[in-house]
Amino acid sequence: MSALVTTRDVPVGDVTFHLLESGPLDAPTILWLHGSGPGANASTNWAWQLGELGDEFHCLAPDIVGFGESTHPDPTPLGIKAFSELRARTLLALLDELGIDKVTLVGNSMGGIISLVLTQMAPERVERLVLMGGGGAPIGLTPELLKLVLFYENPTTEAMAELLTCFVDDPSFFGDDLQQIAASRMPLASRPEVERSHRATFSPGEPLAFPPEVLTTITQPALVVHGEGDRLIPIAAGEYFATNLPNVRFERFADTGHWLMIEQPQRFADLLRTFLHETAA
């Protein structure tokens, strides 16, 4: 039986987090950090995983600041580096507010970038690091990722449907539901504050890089998972992190795209559970 997943809003200083939560409060905590994109939030990325892993872990999945129902700063930081640093700082403040000293970070896509920034910022708060389709490797921008970045140049349901097919290895994954799923995402994606945060994240600003000499300082046990069919962030990114993180396990998922946790939810949950058990103190 899956664990109960609850939601609540948590004020933290100048921001408020919309938070999904499951599992025993006294269990080891997993902080799940979702990816980016128009209308992205914690629920679309992680709801099933919180039900699955909440049987033995305390699971927290916030809408990261600048996404979903959490606070959208105004004015916004400009550029991925400045916004990622703000997001990492506010996540650390959230952990302080909740009285949580250490977490395992699970970051998908941009959530992987924020996980790396947070780990650099406060390494003593991070027990383990999991990067799934993680961004931040020095590889080129794919045409599919460019569609995500430029979504608001043509923010239609049809464009949303086309973008969604880029997240999976096989577009038939959606069956006959693609248009319905795309339409269901548009009300959130169309909010002015959501567009503002998206544009600010991808606006010109100081670049964000994780060169090998930075990654080698991250000594926590790390799990890098990547779909071989990922068209937004190619598997070369996973290979880069697996090469340069010093204490790493690398898992490739065949016939899987960027939404690995949705395309192969049980396999990912089982792999994560095994990793958490094998690296327990």
Protein backbone atom coordinates (compact mmCIF):
# COMPACT_ATOMS: atom_id res chain seq x y z
CA MET A 1 0.00 0.00 0.00
CA SER A 2 1.39 3.42 -0.93
CA ALA A 3 2.02 6.00 1.78
CA LEU A 4 -0.34 8.93 2.26
CA VAL A 5 0.92 12.09 0.55
CA THR A 6 -0.20 15.35 2.16
CA THR A 7 0.23 18.98 1.13
CA ARG A 8 0.74 22.13 3.15
CA ASP A 9 2.10 25.65 2.78
CA VAL A 10 5.15 26.54 4.87
CA PRO A 11 6.13 30.21 5.33
CA VAL A 12 9.90 30.69 5.46
CA GLY A 13 11.01 34.29 5.81
CA ASP A 14 9.97 36.21 2.71
CA VAL A 15 8.78 33.14 0.78
CA THR A 16 6.19 30.41 1.17
CA PHE A 17 6.73 26.84 0.01
CA HIS A 18 3.95 24.60 -1.23
CA LEU A 19 5.09 21.24 0.10
CA LEU A 20 4.20 17.61 -0.59
CA GLU A 21 5.11 15.27 2.25
CA SER A 22 4.93 11.60 3.13
CA GLY A 23 6.43 9.11 5.55
CA PRO A 24 7.43 9.05 9.23
CA LEU A 25 8.80 12.34 10.54
CA ASP A 26 11.58 10.54 12.45
CA ALA A 27 12.80 8.61 9.39
CA PRO A 28 15.74 9.70 7.17
CA THR A 29 14.64 12.58 4.97
CA ILE A 30 14.67 12.68 1.18
CA LEU A 31 14.35 16.14 -0.38
CA TRP A 32 12.95 15.73 -3.89
CA LEU A 33 13.77 18.60 -6.27
CA HIS A 34 11.78 18.76 -9.50
CA GLY A 35 12.88 19.95 -12.92
CA SER A 36 11.98 23.09 -14.84
CA GLY A 37 9.61 23.83 -17.67
CA PRO A 38 6.30 25.66 -18.10
CA GLY A 39 3.94 24.49 -15.37
CA ALA A 40 6.49 22.23 -13.67
CA ASN A 41 5.92 21.50 -9.99
CA ALA A 42 6.60 18.88 -7.34
CA SER A 43 3.40 16.94 -7.88
CA THR A 44 3.92 16.26 -11.59
CA ASN A 45 7.44 14.97 -10.92
CA TRP A 46 7.20 13.18 -7.61
CA ALA A 47 3.71 12.31 -6.36
CA TRP A 48 4.00 8.59 -7.19
CA GLN A 49 7.51 8.31 -5.79
CA LEU A 50 6.44 9.91 -2.49
CA GLY A 51 3.71 7.33 -2.15
CA GLU A 52 6.15 4.52 -2.90
CA LEU A 53 9.12 5.60 -0.74
CA GLY A 54 7.06 7.10 2.08
CA ASP A 55 6.67 3.68 3.66
CA GLU A 56 10.11 4.02 5.28
CA PHE A 57 11.50 7.48 4.46
CA HIS A 58 10.41 11.01 5.33
CA CYS A 59 9.80 12.50 1.89
CA LEU A 60 9.63 16.24 1.18
CA ALA A 61 8.87 17.56 -2.30
CA PRO A 62 8.45 21.35 -2.45
CA ASP A 63 7.41 23.45 -5.37
CA ILE A 64 10.79 25.17 -5.62
CA VAL A 65 10.69 28.96 -5.34
CA GLY A 66 9.73 30.32 -8.76
CA PHE A 67 7.59 27.29 -9.59
CA GLY A 68 4.05 26.13 -9.01
CA GLU A 69 2.23 27.32 -5.91
CA SER A 70 5.33 28.52 -4.07
CA THR A 71 6.44 32.16 -4.03
CA HIS A 72 7.53 33.72 -7.31
CA PRO A 73 10.00 36.47 -6.42
CA ASP A 74 9.36 39.94 -7.81
CA PRO A 75 11.79 41.27 -8.81
CA THR A 76 13.39 38.02 -9.87
CA PRO A 77 17.06 37.08 -9.93
CA LEU A 78 18.27 37.09 -13.52
CA GLY A 79 19.98 34.05 -14.97
CA ILE A 80 20.27 30.44 -13.96
CA LYS A 81 23.18 30.95 -11.54
CA ALA A 82 21.55 33.74 -9.51
CA PHE A 83 18.15 32.03 -9.44
CA SER A 84 19.67 28.63 -8.53
CA GLU A 85 21.57 30.18 -5.64
CA LEU A 86 18.38 31.82 -4.34
CA ARG A 87 16.55 28.52 -4.68
CA ALA A 88 19.27 26.66 -2.77
CA ARG A 89 19.32 29.27 0.02
CA THR A 90 15.55 29.18 0.44
CA LEU A 91 15.56 25.37 0.49
CA LEU A 92 18.13 25.43 3.29
CA ALA A 93 15.90 27.89 5.14
CA LEU A 94 13.00 25.48 4.65
CA LEU A 95 15.01 22.68 6.25
CA ASP A 96 15.85 25.00 9.14
CA GLU A 97 12.16 25.86 9.56
CA LEU A 98 11.26 22.16 9.63
CA GLY A 99 14.10 21.29 12.03
CA ILE A 100 15.82 18.92 9.59
CA ASP A 101 19.61 18.73 9.83
CA LYS A 102 20.51 16.41 6.94
CA VAL A 103 18.85 15.14 3.79
CA THR A 104 19.39 12.98 0.77
CA LEU A 105 18.89 15.15 -2.31
CA VAL A 106 17.12 13.73 -5.35
CA GLY A 107 17.27 16.20 -8.22
CA ASN A 108 15.75 15.84 -11.68
CA SER A 109 17.05 18.10 -14.48
CA MET A 110 17.20 21.63 -13.03
CA GLY A 111 16.58 20.03 -9.66
CA GLY A 112 19.97 18.38 -10.20
CA ILE A 113 21.57 21.78 -10.76
CA ILE A 114 20.01 23.12 -7.56
CA SER A 115 21.11 19.97 -5.71
CA LEU A 116 24.72 20.57 -6.73
CA VAL A 117 24.54 24.25 -5.76
CA LEU A 118 23.01 23.36 -2.38
CA THR A 119 25.67 20.69 -1.78
CA GLN A 120 28.42 23.23 -2.47
CA MET A 121 26.70 25.78 -0.26
CA ALA A 122 26.13 23.52 2.76
CA PRO A 123 27.88 20.14 2.34
CA GLU A 124 27.27 19.27 5.98
CA ARG A 125 23.50 19.18 5.32
CA VAL A 126 23.70 16.62 2.50
CA GLU A 127 24.04 12.90 3.26
CA ARG A 128 23.72 11.63 -0.32
CA LEU A 129 23.18 13.06 -3.76
CA VAL A 130 21.03 11.60 -6.55
CA LEU A 131 21.10 13.20 -10.00
CA MET A 132 18.48 11.97 -12.45
CA GLY A 133 18.75 13.50 -15.91
CA GLY A 134 20.69 16.18 -14.08
CA GLY A 135 21.57 19.49 -15.70
CA GLY A 136 24.74 21.48 -15.30
CA ALA A 137 27.21 19.49 -17.40
CA PRO A 138 29.24 21.42 -20.00
CA ILE A 139 27.38 20.10 -23.03
CA GLY A 140 25.51 21.96 -25.74
CA LEU A 141 21.88 23.00 -25.72
CA THR A 142 19.74 20.45 -27.55
CA PRO A 143 16.90 21.51 -29.88
CA GLU A 144 14.44 19.88 -27.47
CA LEU A 145 15.77 21.83 -24.49
CA LEU A 146 15.63 25.00 -26.57
CA LYS A 147 11.89 24.34 -27.10
CA LEU A 148 11.48 24.32 -23.32
CA VAL A 149 13.49 27.52 -22.85
CA LEU A 150 11.56 29.36 -25.58
CA PHE A 151 8.10 28.00 -24.76
CA TYR A 152 6.65 31.43 -23.96
CA GLU A 153 7.36 32.69 -27.46
CA ASN A 154 4.38 30.53 -28.51
CA PRO A 155 2.57 29.38 -25.34
CA THR A 156 -0.20 27.25 -26.83
CA THR A 157 -1.66 23.88 -25.90
CA GLU A 158 -0.27 22.49 -29.15
CA ALA A 159 3.23 23.71 -28.25
CA MET A 160 2.84 22.17 -24.80
CA ALA A 161 1.88 18.83 -26.33
CA GLU A 162 4.87 18.93 -28.64
CA LEU A 163 7.15 19.79 -25.72
CA LEU A 164 5.79 16.92 -23.59
CA THR A 165 6.76 14.40 -26.26
CA CYS A 166 10.37 15.56 -25.86
CA PHE A 167 10.43 14.39 -22.24
CA VAL A 168 9.94 10.71 -23.00
CA ASP A 169 11.81 8.18 -25.10
CA ASP A 170 8.69 7.07 -26.99
CA PRO A 171 5.88 9.61 -27.54
CA SER A 172 3.36 6.73 -27.66
CA PHE A 173 3.91 6.60 -23.88
CA PHE A 174 1.06 9.13 -23.59
CA GLY A 175 -1.36 7.01 -25.64
CA ASP A 176 -4.49 9.01 -26.47
CA ASP A 177 -4.04 11.33 -23.47
CA LEU A 178 -1.39 13.71 -24.81
CA GLN A 179 -3.72 16.59 -25.69
CA GLN A 180 -5.62 16.23 -22.42
CA ILE A 181 -2.40 16.24 -20.38
CA ALA A 182 -1.13 19.27 -22.29
CA ALA A 183 -4.38 21.14 -21.75
CA SER A 184 -4.33 20.32 -18.02
CA ARG A 185 -0.91 21.95 -17.66
CA MET A 186 -1.82 25.20 -19.38
CA PRO A 187 -3.68 26.98 -16.54
CA LEU A 188 -0.59 26.87 -14.30
CA ALA A 189 1.83 27.52 -17.15
CA SER A 190 -0.23 30.54 -18.26
CA ARG A 191 -0.02 32.39 -14.95
CA PRO A 192 1.92 35.66 -15.34
CA GLU A 193 4.13 34.93 -12.34
CA VAL A 194 5.05 31.49 -13.71
CA GLU A 195 6.05 32.99 -17.04
CA ARG A 196 8.01 35.71 -15.25
CA SER A 197 10.00 33.17 -13.23
CA HIS A 198 10.65 31.04 -16.31
CA ARG A 199 11.91 33.95 -18.39
CA ALA A 200 14.11 35.18 -15.53
CA THR A 201 15.65 31.74 -15.01
CA PHE A 202 16.72 31.51 -18.64
CA SER A 203 17.61 35.17 -19.12
CA PRO A 204 21.24 36.18 -19.70
CA GLY A 205 23.25 36.25 -16.52
CA GLU A 206 26.41 34.97 -14.92
CA PRO A 207 27.01 31.43 -16.19
CA LEU A 208 26.75 28.42 -13.92
CA ALA A 209 29.39 25.72 -14.27
CA PHE A 210 30.42 22.58 -12.41
CA PRO A 211 33.96 21.91 -13.65
CA PRO A 212 35.76 18.71 -12.61
CA GLU A 213 37.68 20.48 -9.86
CA VAL A 214 34.38 21.47 -8.23
CA LEU A 215 32.75 18.06 -8.60
CA THR A 216 35.74 16.28 -7.04
CA THR A 217 35.07 18.18 -3.80
CA ILE A 218 31.63 16.54 -3.50
CA THR A 219 32.48 13.38 -1.58
CA GLN A 220 29.02 12.27 -0.46
CA PRO A 221 27.76 8.98 -1.90
CA ALA A 222 26.23 9.86 -5.26
CA LEU A 223 23.88 8.05 -7.60
CA VAL A 224 23.73 9.27 -11.19
CA VAL A 225 20.82 7.92 -13.22
CA HIS A 226 20.18 8.81 -16.85
CA GLY A 227 17.91 7.65 -19.62
CA GLU A 228 19.76 6.60 -22.76
CA GLY A 229 17.01 8.20 -24.84
CA ASP A 230 17.05 11.56 -23.01
CA ARG A 231 16.65 14.22 -25.70
CA LEU A 232 16.56 17.26 -23.40
CA ILE A 233 19.77 16.52 -21.49
CA PRO A 234 21.73 13.80 -23.31
CA ILE A 235 23.29 10.90 -21.49
CA ALA A 236 26.68 12.55 -22.02
CA ALA A 237 25.72 14.75 -19.04
CA GLY A 238 25.26 11.70 -16.83
CA GLU A 239 28.56 10.30 -18.06
CA TYR A 240 30.27 13.59 -17.19
CA PHE A 241 28.98 13.55 -13.61
CA ALA A 242 29.77 9.84 -13.24
CA THR A 243 33.34 10.52 -14.38
CA ASN A 244 34.00 13.45 -12.07
CA LEU A 245 32.09 12.76 -8.84
CA PRO A 246 34.49 10.74 -6.67
CA ASN A 247 32.04 8.49 -4.81
CA VAL A 248 29.51 7.62 -7.49
CA ARG A 249 27.35 4.83 -8.87
CA PHE A 250 26.12 5.29 -12.45
CA GLU A 251 22.99 3.64 -13.83
CA ARG A 252 21.85 3.90 -17.45
CA PHE A 253 18.20 3.22 -18.29
CA ALA A 254 17.66 1.89 -21.81
CA ASP A 255 14.55 2.93 -23.76
CA THR A 256 14.01 5.81 -21.34
CA GLY A 257 13.98 9.57 -21.81
CA HIS A 258 14.17 12.58 -19.51
CA TRP A 259 11.17 11.62 -17.36
CA LEU A 260 12.81 8.48 -16.04
CA MET A 261 10.86 8.59 -12.76
CA ILE A 262 7.58 8.62 -14.73
CA GLU A 263 8.54 6.29 -17.57
CA GLN A 264 10.04 3.65 -15.25
CA PRO A 265 8.72 4.59 -11.80
CA GLN A 266 9.05 1.23 -10.06
CA ARG A 267 12.52 0.50 -11.36
CA PHE A 268 13.73 3.92 -10.26
CA ALA A 269 12.10 3.58 -6.82
CA ASP A 270 13.70 0.16 -6.31
CA LEU A 271 17.11 1.46 -7.38
CA LEU A 272 16.84 4.46 -5.06
CA ARG A 273 15.74 2.32 -2.13
CA THR A 274 18.70 -0.03 -2.66
CA PHE A 275 21.11 2.89 -2.89
CA LEU A 276 19.78 4.42 0.32
CA HIS A 277 20.12 1.13 2.19
CA GLU A 278 23.61 0.39 0.88
CA THR A 279 24.90 3.84 1.82
CA ALA A 280 23.20 4.11 5.22
CA ALA A 281 25.56 5.16 7.98
